[in-house]
Amino acid sequence: MSTLEADIEDKAVAYGLTLGYYSLKLNGEGNRGKLDRLFVNLAGEHIYIEFKRPGEELRKDQWLHVRDLTRRGCTVYQCFDVRHAKRVLDNHRNPDAEAIDGRLTFEMAVAELAKNKVEL
């Protein structure tokens, strides 16, 4: 049975609550392309997470949001499974957390958008 994106997200949100995170769903109706979730830790720092099934890629409109958020210094991750999402949330409980695997960068977004011939 394949993993659904919503299952990964639901389990990550439940786990985040146990760590004290505030979570906000961003990609509801009328918000196509926005990333899935904003998580805010107890220190007030925030991270954005886009949940994807294993092997699924971000769409062009999502890369535009990654570009715009990372340009402003925001931390953005793409998580393919619950284990990775938990690692991201565990890591970013600490206000001085260093990035771990799965972090998306401004440079990655610009390269992906250029590859797909999206005007920058």
Protein backbone atom coordinates (compact mmCIF):
# COMPACT_ATOMS: atom_id res chain seq x y z
CA MET A 1 0.00 0.00 0.00
CA SER A 2 1.43 3.37 -0.95
CA THR A 3 1.88 6.13 1.59
CA LEU A 4 -0.48 9.06 1.22
CA GLU A 5 0.84 12.60 1.62
CA ALA A 6 -2.00 13.35 4.06
CA ASP A 7 -0.98 10.41 6.28
CA ILE A 8 2.58 11.71 6.52
CA GLU A 9 1.33 15.21 7.27
CA ASP A 10 -1.22 14.11 9.88
CA LYS A 11 1.35 12.07 11.80
CA ALA A 12 3.92 14.88 11.64
CA VAL A 13 1.38 17.42 12.93
CA ALA A 14 0.40 15.12 15.82
CA TYR A 15 4.07 14.61 16.68
CA GLY A 16 4.76 18.35 16.45
CA LEU A 17 1.99 19.02 18.96
CA THR A 18 3.69 16.72 21.48
CA LEU A 19 6.82 18.89 21.10
CA GLY A 20 4.93 22.13 21.61
CA TYR A 21 4.79 23.27 17.99
CA TYR A 22 1.98 25.44 16.69
CA SER A 23 0.98 24.25 13.24
CA LEU A 24 -0.96 26.02 10.52
CA LYS A 25 -2.25 24.45 7.27
CA LEU A 26 -1.35 26.76 4.40
CA ASN A 27 -2.49 25.11 1.21
CA GLY A 28 -6.24 25.04 1.63
CA GLU A 29 -8.81 25.90 -1.01
CA GLY A 30 -7.74 28.83 -3.15
CA ASN A 31 -4.10 28.55 -2.11
CA ARG A 32 -2.72 26.29 -4.85
CA GLY A 33 1.03 26.09 -4.78
CA LYS A 34 1.49 27.14 -1.19
CA LEU A 35 3.49 24.78 0.95
CA ASP A 36 1.61 22.37 3.22
CA ARG A 37 2.44 23.52 6.74
CA LEU A 38 3.95 26.22 8.87
CA PHE A 39 5.34 25.01 12.20
CA VAL A 40 6.31 27.45 14.96
CA ASN A 41 8.42 26.20 17.86
CA LEU A 42 8.23 27.39 21.46
CA ALA A 43 10.98 29.95 20.78
CA GLY A 44 8.80 31.54 18.07
CA GLU A 45 10.97 30.34 15.19
CA HIS A 46 9.20 28.90 12.20
CA ILE A 47 9.78 26.31 9.51
CA TYR A 48 7.76 25.42 6.45
CA ILE A 49 7.29 21.82 5.40
CA GLU A 50 6.02 20.45 2.11
CA PHE A 51 4.97 16.82 2.47
CA LYS A 52 5.30 14.56 -0.55
CA ARG A 53 4.88 10.88 -1.21
CA PRO A 54 8.20 9.16 -1.87
CA GLY A 55 9.36 9.99 -5.38
CA GLU A 56 6.91 12.86 -5.88
CA GLU A 57 8.41 16.21 -6.89
CA LEU A 58 7.47 19.79 -6.14
CA ARG A 59 5.42 21.57 -8.78
CA LYS A 60 6.61 24.81 -10.40
CA ASP A 61 4.21 26.91 -8.34
CA GLN A 62 5.57 25.34 -5.16
CA TRP A 63 9.15 26.11 -6.23
CA LEU A 64 8.09 29.74 -6.63
CA HIS A 65 6.98 29.79 -2.98
CA VAL A 66 10.21 28.07 -1.90
CA ARG A 67 12.16 30.74 -3.76
CA ASP A 68 10.21 33.60 -2.21
CA LEU A 69 10.35 32.20 1.34
CA THR A 70 14.04 31.25 1.29
CA ARG A 71 14.92 34.63 -0.22
CA ARG A 72 13.51 36.09 3.00
CA GLY A 73 15.55 33.78 5.20
CA CYS A 74 12.79 31.27 5.95
CA THR A 75 13.59 27.62 6.55
CA VAL A 76 11.83 25.22 4.18
CA TYR A 77 11.90 21.42 4.11
CA GLN A 78 10.48 18.73 1.88
CA CYS A 79 9.60 15.55 3.78
CA PHE A 80 8.86 12.20 2.13
CA ASP A 81 8.11 10.16 5.22
CA VAL A 82 7.08 10.47 8.87
CA ARG A 83 10.52 9.55 10.19
CA HIS A 84 12.14 12.41 8.31
CA ALA A 85 9.44 14.89 9.36
CA LYS A 86 9.99 13.90 13.00
CA ARG A 87 13.75 14.43 12.60
CA VAL A 88 13.13 17.91 11.17
CA LEU A 89 10.78 18.83 14.02
CA ASP A 90 13.11 17.37 16.67
CA ASN A 91 16.04 19.26 15.18
CA HIS A 92 14.29 22.62 15.04
CA ARG A 93 13.07 22.58 18.64
CA ASN A 94 16.48 24.06 19.37
CA PRO A 95 16.64 27.76 18.44
CA ASP A 96 20.24 27.29 17.22
CA ALA A 97 19.43 24.29 15.02
CA GLU A 98 21.54 23.61 11.98
CA ALA A 99 19.89 22.50 8.75
CA ILE A 100 19.55 18.78 8.12
CA ASP A 101 18.88 16.80 4.94
CA GLY A 102 15.76 17.73 3.03
CA ARG A 103 16.19 21.47 3.47
CA LEU A 104 15.35 23.45 0.33
CA THR A 105 17.41 26.53 -0.52
CA PHE A 106 17.00 29.67 -2.59
CA GLU A 107 19.68 28.40 -4.98
CA MET A 108 17.85 25.10 -5.44
CA ALA A 109 14.60 26.92 -6.21
CA VAL A 110 16.20 29.26 -8.75
CA ALA A 111 17.92 26.33 -10.48
CA GLU A 112 14.70 24.28 -10.60
CA LEU A 113 12.68 27.21 -11.94
CA ALA A 114 15.33 27.95 -14.61
CA LYS A 115 15.37 24.29 -15.63
CA ASN A 116 11.61 24.48 -16.11
CA LYS A 117 11.89 27.80 -17.97
CA VAL A 118 9.91 29.75 -15.40
CA GLU A 119 10.57 33.47 -15.59
CA LEU A 120 12.47 34.70 -12.57
